[in-house]
Amino acid sequence: PTGSETQIFAKLGDDPIDAIVKDRLTVRPGEEVRLRIDPRRVHIFDRQSGARL
């Protein structure tokens, strides 16, 4: 938790996902989390260069 938001660092298969949730959540490491992603708010980055796609 970081103030009014929660940062989630997760994996989908072998792919890392970093998410910021606008609510405070109680999630423990290793716990399964279901995310519904709004495609209008997604930022995707190139793994090698770090450039936003």
C-alpha atoms as a PDB file:
ATOM      1  CA  PRO A   1       0.000   0.000   0.000  1.00  0.00           C
ATOM      2  CA  THR A   2       1.161   3.527  -0.811  1.00  0.00           C
ATOM      3  CA  GLY A   3      -1.317   5.984   0.624  1.00  0.00           C
ATOM      4  CA  SER A   4      -4.656   5.684  -1.165  1.00  0.00           C
ATOM      5  CA  GLU A   5      -3.292   3.247  -3.773  1.00  0.00           C
ATOM      6  CA  THR A   6      -1.883  -0.268  -3.763  1.00  0.00           C
ATOM      7  CA  GLN A   7       0.952  -1.358  -6.034  1.00  0.00           C
ATOM      8  CA  ILE A   8       0.764  -4.962  -7.182  1.00  0.00           C
ATOM      9  CA  PHE A   9       3.775  -6.744  -8.666  1.00  0.00           C
ATOM     10  CA  ALA A  10       2.590 -10.025 -10.171  1.00  0.00           C
ATOM     11  CA  LYS A  11       3.179 -12.533 -12.954  1.00  0.00           C
ATOM     12  CA  LEU A  12       0.889 -13.816 -15.674  1.00  0.00           C
ATOM     13  CA  GLY A  13       2.658 -17.014 -16.614  1.00  0.00           C
ATOM     14  CA  ASP A  14       6.272 -15.842 -16.988  1.00  0.00           C
ATOM     15  CA  ASP A  15       5.329 -12.237 -17.827  1.00  0.00           C
ATOM     16  CA  PRO A  16       5.608  -9.615 -15.090  1.00  0.00           C
ATOM     17  CA  ILE A  17       2.673  -7.311 -14.426  1.00  0.00           C
ATOM     18  CA  ASP A  18       2.912  -4.155 -12.339  1.00  0.00           C
ATOM     19  CA  ALA A  19      -0.440  -2.638 -11.412  1.00  0.00           C
ATOM     20  CA  ILE A  20      -1.579   0.354  -9.411  1.00  0.00           C
ATOM     21  CA  VAL A  21      -4.983  -0.100  -7.840  1.00  0.00           C
ATOM     22  CA  LYS A  22      -6.844   3.030  -6.737  1.00  0.00           C
ATOM     23  CA  ASP A  23      -8.042   1.304  -3.570  1.00  0.00           C
ATOM     24  CA  ARG A  24      -6.322  -0.046  -0.508  1.00  0.00           C
ATOM     25  CA  LEU A  25      -6.185  -3.812  -0.704  1.00  0.00           C
ATOM     26  CA  THR A  26      -5.026  -6.394   1.767  1.00  0.00           C
ATOM     27  CA  VAL A  27      -3.018  -8.827  -0.348  1.00  0.00           C
ATOM     28  CA  ARG A  28      -0.204 -11.053   0.854  1.00  0.00           C
ATOM     29  CA  PRO A  29       2.797 -12.265  -1.171  1.00  0.00           C
ATOM     30  CA  GLY A  30       1.954 -15.468  -3.030  1.00  0.00           C
ATOM     31  CA  GLU A  31      -1.787 -14.873  -2.807  1.00  0.00           C
ATOM     32  CA  GLU A  32      -3.789 -15.235  -6.032  1.00  0.00           C
ATOM     33  CA  VAL A  33      -5.292 -11.971  -7.246  1.00  0.00           C
ATOM     34  CA  ARG A  34      -7.891 -11.520  -9.965  1.00  0.00           C
ATOM     35  CA  LEU A  35      -7.478  -8.342 -11.985  1.00  0.00           C
ATOM     36  CA  ARG A  36      -9.880  -6.814 -14.467  1.00  0.00           C
ATOM     37  CA  ILE A  37      -7.857  -4.579 -16.744  1.00  0.00           C
ATOM     38  CA  ASP A  38      -9.302  -1.495 -18.427  1.00  0.00           C
ATOM     39  CA  PRO A  39      -7.526  -1.490 -21.841  1.00  0.00           C
ATOM     40  CA  ARG A  40      -7.871   2.298 -22.043  1.00  0.00           C
ATOM     41  CA  ARG A  41      -5.595   2.668 -19.028  1.00  0.00           C
ATOM     42  CA  VAL A  42      -2.885   0.127 -19.865  1.00  0.00           C
ATOM     43  CA  HIS A  43       0.737   1.091 -20.485  1.00  0.00           C
ATOM     44  CA  ILE A  44       2.825  -1.598 -22.199  1.00  0.00           C
ATOM     45  CA  PHE A  45       6.622  -1.440 -22.296  1.00  0.00           C
ATOM     46  CA  ASP A  46       9.223  -3.226 -24.409  1.00  0.00           C
ATOM     47  CA  ARG A  47      11.056  -5.662 -22.166  1.00  0.00           C
ATOM     48  CA  GLN A  48      14.518  -4.981 -23.677  1.00  0.00           C
ATOM     49  CA  SER A  49      14.475  -1.230 -24.266  1.00  0.00           C
ATOM     50  CA  GLY A  50      11.939  -0.174 -21.648  1.00  0.00           C
ATOM     51  CA  ALA A  51      10.244   2.005 -24.313  1.00  0.00           C
ATOM     52  CA  ARG A  52       6.500   2.460 -24.035  1.00  0.00           C
ATOM     53  CA  LEU A  53       4.674   0.692 -26.871  1.00  0.00           C
END
